[in-house]
Amino acid sequence: MYYNNTQALMLLGHVCNNLGILKDANYSITDKCFNTKMHKLIFRTLNNLSATKDINSVDSSTINNYLIKYEEQHRYFRENNGIELVDKIKADCRKNSFNLAYETTKKFEILRDLRGTFNVSEIYNPNISNLEEKEKKYAEFEDMSINDIMNHFKLKL
């Protein structure tokens, strides 16, 4: 799968701790960055809170209280342990991990967007069965920047 759950959660943790990131022109964080229903729900809530409130950070109570207005989303959040998840990602969020979380999440977003048009397995192939080869290829993927990936596919055009 073209998604790194750990890094996506780390990115959400950073956004919870600093909603200003969503307004920073140096970063483009949208719901397309996330690939699970819960991650998208949390992100959309954070995005809405950042646009409507003058707050810097949010916790699970803030998210829960916001979602109460939306019965279906609130039920999903509650039934899937959203409160515990938000508490965990905020606590696990390491100060110096933002760039890695952002870069990794964006790179996977690019691959998901381009996989119908290009053979993205040239960059990342989750179906490699040989563990050594898989680790080697993932290390190469990690060493690539967002621009490296974009340029790779621009050259294909």
C-alpha atoms as a PDB file:
ATOM      1  CA  MET A   1       0.000   0.000   0.000  1.00  0.00           C
ATOM      2  CA  TYR A   2       1.187   3.495  -0.771  1.00  0.00           C
ATOM      3  CA  TYR A   3       0.810   4.884   2.747  1.00  0.00           C
ATOM      4  CA  ASN A   4       2.939   5.126   5.856  1.00  0.00           C
ATOM      5  CA  ASN A   5       0.500   4.990   8.746  1.00  0.00           C
ATOM      6  CA  THR A   6       3.128   5.885  11.353  1.00  0.00           C
ATOM      7  CA  GLN A   7       4.328   9.016   9.567  1.00  0.00           C
ATOM      8  CA  ALA A   8       0.782  10.115   8.708  1.00  0.00           C
ATOM      9  CA  LEU A   9      -0.157   9.865  12.389  1.00  0.00           C
ATOM     10  CA  MET A  10       3.000  11.743  13.346  1.00  0.00           C
ATOM     11  CA  LEU A  11       2.011  14.511  10.914  1.00  0.00           C
ATOM     12  CA  LEU A  12      -1.470  14.666  12.447  1.00  0.00           C
ATOM     13  CA  GLY A  13       0.127  14.901  15.886  1.00  0.00           C
ATOM     14  CA  HIS A  14       2.184  17.879  14.749  1.00  0.00           C
ATOM     15  CA  VAL A  15      -0.902  19.570  13.329  1.00  0.00           C
ATOM     16  CA  CYS A  16      -2.771  18.970  16.612  1.00  0.00           C
ATOM     17  CA  ASN A  17       0.089  20.619  18.480  1.00  0.00           C
ATOM     18  CA  ASN A  18       0.421  23.529  16.034  1.00  0.00           C
ATOM     19  CA  LEU A  19      -2.589  24.384  13.886  1.00  0.00           C
ATOM     20  CA  GLY A  20      -0.553  27.204  12.349  1.00  0.00           C
ATOM     21  CA  ILE A  21       1.179  24.604  10.175  1.00  0.00           C
ATOM     22  CA  LEU A  22      -2.005  24.441   8.088  1.00  0.00           C
ATOM     23  CA  LYS A  23      -1.685  28.154   7.273  1.00  0.00           C
ATOM     24  CA  ASP A  24       2.042  28.010   6.540  1.00  0.00           C
ATOM     25  CA  ALA A  25       2.632  28.573   2.813  1.00  0.00           C
ATOM     26  CA  ASN A  26       5.733  26.352   2.962  1.00  0.00           C
ATOM     27  CA  TYR A  27       3.576  23.268   3.498  1.00  0.00           C
ATOM     28  CA  SER A  28       0.667  21.839   1.604  1.00  0.00           C
ATOM     29  CA  ILE A  29      -1.275  19.583   3.930  1.00  0.00           C
ATOM     30  CA  THR A  30      -4.686  18.538   2.647  1.00  0.00           C
ATOM     31  CA  ASP A  31      -6.989  15.599   3.233  1.00  0.00           C
ATOM     32  CA  LYS A  32      -5.368  13.956   0.180  1.00  0.00           C
ATOM     33  CA  CYS A  33      -2.303  13.413   2.379  1.00  0.00           C
ATOM     34  CA  PHE A  34      -4.265  10.877   4.392  1.00  0.00           C
ATOM     35  CA  ASN A  35      -5.551   7.509   3.262  1.00  0.00           C
ATOM     36  CA  THR A  36      -7.764   6.181   6.054  1.00  0.00           C
ATOM     37  CA  LYS A  37     -11.217   7.278   7.119  1.00  0.00           C
ATOM     38  CA  MET A  38     -10.090   8.103  10.675  1.00  0.00           C
ATOM     39  CA  HIS A  39      -7.043  10.068   9.547  1.00  0.00           C
ATOM     40  CA  LYS A  40      -9.157  12.059   7.089  1.00  0.00           C
ATOM     41  CA  LEU A  41     -11.779  12.728   9.756  1.00  0.00           C
ATOM     42  CA  ILE A  42      -9.181  13.996  12.214  1.00  0.00           C
ATOM     43  CA  PHE A  43      -7.498  16.121   9.562  1.00  0.00           C
ATOM     44  CA  ARG A  44     -10.742  17.673   8.333  1.00  0.00           C
ATOM     45  CA  THR A  45     -11.703  18.486  11.903  1.00  0.00           C
ATOM     46  CA  LEU A  46      -8.306  20.089  12.540  1.00  0.00           C
ATOM     47  CA  ASN A  47      -8.555  22.017   9.296  1.00  0.00           C
ATOM     48  CA  ASN A  48     -12.043  23.288  10.160  1.00  0.00           C
ATOM     49  CA  LEU A  49     -10.947  24.234  13.663  1.00  0.00           C
ATOM     50  CA  SER A  50      -7.950  26.127  12.306  1.00  0.00           C
ATOM     51  CA  ALA A  51     -10.189  28.094   9.941  1.00  0.00           C
ATOM     52  CA  THR A  52     -12.938  28.956  12.404  1.00  0.00           C
ATOM     53  CA  LYS A  53     -11.198  29.365  15.732  1.00  0.00           C
ATOM     54  CA  ASP A  54      -8.301  31.420  16.942  1.00  0.00           C
ATOM     55  CA  ILE A  55      -6.528  28.538  18.680  1.00  0.00           C
ATOM     56  CA  ASN A  56      -2.993  27.225  18.374  1.00  0.00           C
ATOM     57  CA  SER A  57      -3.390  23.597  19.366  1.00  0.00           C
ATOM     58  CA  VAL A  58      -6.158  21.099  20.025  1.00  0.00           C
ATOM     59  CA  ASP A  59      -6.593  18.006  22.124  1.00  0.00           C
ATOM     60  CA  SER A  60      -8.944  15.045  21.933  1.00  0.00           C
ATOM     61  CA  SER A  61     -11.628  16.903  23.918  1.00  0.00           C
ATOM     62  CA  THR A  62     -11.636  19.774  21.436  1.00  0.00           C
ATOM     63  CA  ILE A  63     -11.978  17.383  18.508  1.00  0.00           C
ATOM     64  CA  ASN A  64     -14.662  15.347  20.270  1.00  0.00           C
ATOM     65  CA  ASN A  65     -16.633  18.494  21.169  1.00  0.00           C
ATOM     66  CA  TYR A  66     -16.410  19.732  17.569  1.00  0.00           C
ATOM     67  CA  LEU A  67     -17.623  16.418  16.170  1.00  0.00           C
ATOM     68  CA  ILE A  68     -20.649  16.246  18.492  1.00  0.00           C
ATOM     69  CA  LYS A  69     -22.447  18.488  15.964  1.00  0.00           C
ATOM     70  CA  TYR A  70     -22.053  15.765  13.319  1.00  0.00           C
ATOM     71  CA  GLU A  71     -23.756  12.594  14.509  1.00  0.00           C
ATOM     72  CA  GLU A  72     -22.297  10.103  12.023  1.00  0.00           C
ATOM     73  CA  GLN A  73     -18.722  11.425  12.231  1.00  0.00           C
ATOM     74  CA  HIS A  74     -18.897  11.651  16.013  1.00  0.00           C
ATOM     75  CA  ARG A  75     -20.138   8.081  16.294  1.00  0.00           C
ATOM     76  CA  TYR A  76     -17.341   6.856  14.010  1.00  0.00           C
ATOM     77  CA  PHE A  77     -14.755   8.815  16.019  1.00  0.00           C
ATOM     78  CA  ARG A  78     -16.047   7.399  19.320  1.00  0.00           C
ATOM     79  CA  GLU A  79     -16.505   3.803  18.127  1.00  0.00           C
ATOM     80  CA  ASN A  80     -13.010   3.715  16.637  1.00  0.00           C
ATOM     81  CA  ASN A  81     -11.232   5.048  19.730  1.00  0.00           C
ATOM     82  CA  GLY A  82     -10.563   8.470  18.234  1.00  0.00           C
ATOM     83  CA  ILE A  83     -10.061  10.083  21.638  1.00  0.00           C
ATOM     84  CA  GLU A  84      -7.347   7.584  22.559  1.00  0.00           C
ATOM     85  CA  LEU A  85      -5.758   7.919  19.115  1.00  0.00           C
ATOM     86  CA  VAL A  86      -5.528  11.710  19.339  1.00  0.00           C
ATOM     87  CA  ASP A  87      -4.131  11.524  22.866  1.00  0.00           C
ATOM     88  CA  LYS A  88      -1.527   9.020  21.657  1.00  0.00           C
ATOM     89  CA  ILE A  89      -0.405  10.945  18.575  1.00  0.00           C
ATOM     90  CA  LYS A  90      -0.078  14.162  20.558  1.00  0.00           C
ATOM     91  CA  ALA A  91       2.004  12.388  23.200  1.00  0.00           C
ATOM     92  CA  ASP A  92       4.133  10.492  20.645  1.00  0.00           C
ATOM     93  CA  CYS A  93       4.804  13.525  18.481  1.00  0.00           C
ATOM     94  CA  ARG A  94       8.501  14.290  18.678  1.00  0.00           C
ATOM     95  CA  LYS A  95       9.608  17.874  18.222  1.00  0.00           C
ATOM     96  CA  ASN A  96      12.157  17.143  15.501  1.00  0.00           C
ATOM     97  CA  SER A  97      10.053  14.666  13.517  1.00  0.00           C
ATOM     98  CA  PHE A  98       7.862  17.075  11.542  1.00  0.00           C
ATOM     99  CA  ASN A  99       9.969  17.204   8.374  1.00  0.00           C
ATOM    100  CA  LEU A 100      10.223  13.424   8.094  1.00  0.00           C
ATOM    101  CA  ALA A 101       6.494  12.990   8.725  1.00  0.00           C
ATOM    102  CA  TYR A 102       5.596  15.689   6.208  1.00  0.00           C
ATOM    103  CA  GLU A 103       8.003  14.517   3.497  1.00  0.00           C
ATOM    104  CA  THR A 104       7.042  10.850   3.796  1.00  0.00           C
ATOM    105  CA  THR A 105       3.323  11.566   3.807  1.00  0.00           C
ATOM    106  CA  LYS A 106       3.605  13.863   0.767  1.00  0.00           C
ATOM    107  CA  LYS A 107       5.738  11.372  -1.162  1.00  0.00           C
ATOM    108  CA  PHE A 108       3.141   8.653  -0.669  1.00  0.00           C
ATOM    109  CA  GLU A 109       0.384  11.076  -1.676  1.00  0.00           C
ATOM    110  CA  ILE A 110       2.230  11.738  -4.940  1.00  0.00           C
ATOM    111  CA  LEU A 111       2.584   8.006  -5.607  1.00  0.00           C
ATOM    112  CA  ARG A 112      -1.133   7.410  -4.952  1.00  0.00           C
ATOM    113  CA  ASP A 113      -2.020  10.274  -7.299  1.00  0.00           C
ATOM    114  CA  LEU A 114       0.244   9.064 -10.099  1.00  0.00           C
ATOM    115  CA  ARG A 115      -0.201   5.292  -9.892  1.00  0.00           C
ATOM    116  CA  GLY A 116      -2.977   5.240 -12.487  1.00  0.00           C
ATOM    117  CA  THR A 117      -0.856   7.177 -14.969  1.00  0.00           C
ATOM    118  CA  PHE A 118       2.663   5.897 -14.274  1.00  0.00           C
ATOM    119  CA  ASN A 119       4.367   2.751 -13.049  1.00  0.00           C
ATOM    120  CA  VAL A 120       5.096   4.050  -9.544  1.00  0.00           C
ATOM    121  CA  SER A 121       6.661   0.749  -8.526  1.00  0.00           C
ATOM    122  CA  GLU A 122       9.858   2.130 -10.072  1.00  0.00           C
ATOM    123  CA  ILE A 123      10.000   4.439  -7.050  1.00  0.00           C
ATOM    124  CA  TYR A 124       8.296   2.299  -4.410  1.00  0.00           C
ATOM    125  CA  ASN A 125       6.989  -1.242  -4.634  1.00  0.00           C
ATOM    126  CA  PRO A 126       5.114  -2.563  -1.594  1.00  0.00           C
ATOM    127  CA  ASN A 127       4.836  -6.020  -3.184  1.00  0.00           C
ATOM    128  CA  ILE A 128       8.518  -6.974  -3.074  1.00  0.00           C
ATOM    129  CA  SER A 129       8.702 -10.251  -1.170  1.00  0.00           C
ATOM    130  CA  ASN A 130      12.471 -10.404  -0.587  1.00  0.00           C
ATOM    131  CA  LEU A 131      13.029  -8.621   2.730  1.00  0.00           C
ATOM    132  CA  GLU A 132      16.554  -7.419   1.943  1.00  0.00           C
ATOM    133  CA  GLU A 133      15.511  -6.009  -1.416  1.00  0.00           C
ATOM    134  CA  LYS A 134      12.408  -4.431   0.127  1.00  0.00           C
ATOM    135  CA  GLU A 135      14.494  -2.686   2.817  1.00  0.00           C
ATOM    136  CA  LYS A 136      17.020  -1.506   0.229  1.00  0.00           C
ATOM    137  CA  LYS A 137      14.310  -0.085  -2.023  1.00  0.00           C
ATOM    138  CA  TYR A 138      12.554   1.608   0.891  1.00  0.00           C
ATOM    139  CA  ALA A 139      15.843   3.212   1.981  1.00  0.00           C
ATOM    140  CA  GLU A 140      16.261   4.550  -1.573  1.00  0.00           C
ATOM    141  CA  PHE A 141      12.695   5.884  -1.443  1.00  0.00           C
ATOM    142  CA  GLU A 142      13.365   7.575   1.907  1.00  0.00           C
ATOM    143  CA  ASP A 143      16.472   9.240   0.488  1.00  0.00           C
ATOM    144  CA  MET A 144      14.469  10.795  -2.341  1.00  0.00           C
ATOM    145  CA  SER A 145      12.953  14.226  -1.851  1.00  0.00           C
ATOM    146  CA  ILE A 146       9.495  15.255  -2.951  1.00  0.00           C
ATOM    147  CA  ASN A 147      11.142  17.126  -5.849  1.00  0.00           C
ATOM    148  CA  ASP A 148      13.172  14.045  -6.827  1.00  0.00           C
ATOM    149  CA  ILE A 149       9.971  12.036  -7.170  1.00  0.00           C
ATOM    150  CA  MET A 150       8.184  14.786  -9.113  1.00  0.00           C
ATOM    151  CA  ASN A 151      11.178  15.226 -11.434  1.00  0.00           C
ATOM    152  CA  HIS A 152      11.363  11.471 -12.047  1.00  0.00           C
ATOM    153  CA  PHE A 153       7.827  11.474 -13.392  1.00  0.00           C
ATOM    154  CA  LYS A 154       8.199  14.796 -15.252  1.00  0.00           C
ATOM    155  CA  LEU A 155      11.042  13.213 -17.202  1.00  0.00           C
ATOM    156  CA  LYS A 156       8.695  10.397 -18.202  1.00  0.00           C
ATOM    157  CA  LEU A 157       6.423  12.942 -19.877  1.00  0.00           C
END
